[in-house]
């Protein structure tokens, strides 16, 4: 009887571990939409996301993230942060956005939360 209880307990632990371990990690994505001052999408616009470390919430730290992408024909630049955010991490990044095409530029911020698609819009002007 004792051995059967051990096997049942082992099977139960195994089943729970399988269900917990099979929860797939979702993508962490930042989408930046770029419009000009006429409210039209801007294709081929350079978009830079960057952030600084500030462990104590005070002052300026070193740049820890710097990534560049170009907008597509819909005015959308997409950044993937799957390597940055690991499953189980509780954390949010606030990143600066710089967008530039020719003599047009603009800036903004985006709050990036793990395992979701985060979106922000930047308007550029001369």
Foldseek 3Di string as FASTA:
>chain_A
DVVVVVVVVVVVVVVVCCVVVPPDFAWFKEKEAEAEPVRAADFFKKKWKWDFDDPVPDDTHHIDDIDIFTHHPRRMTMDTCPVVDDPPDFDKGKIKMWIDDDPWIWIDIWITGGRDYTYDYTYIYD
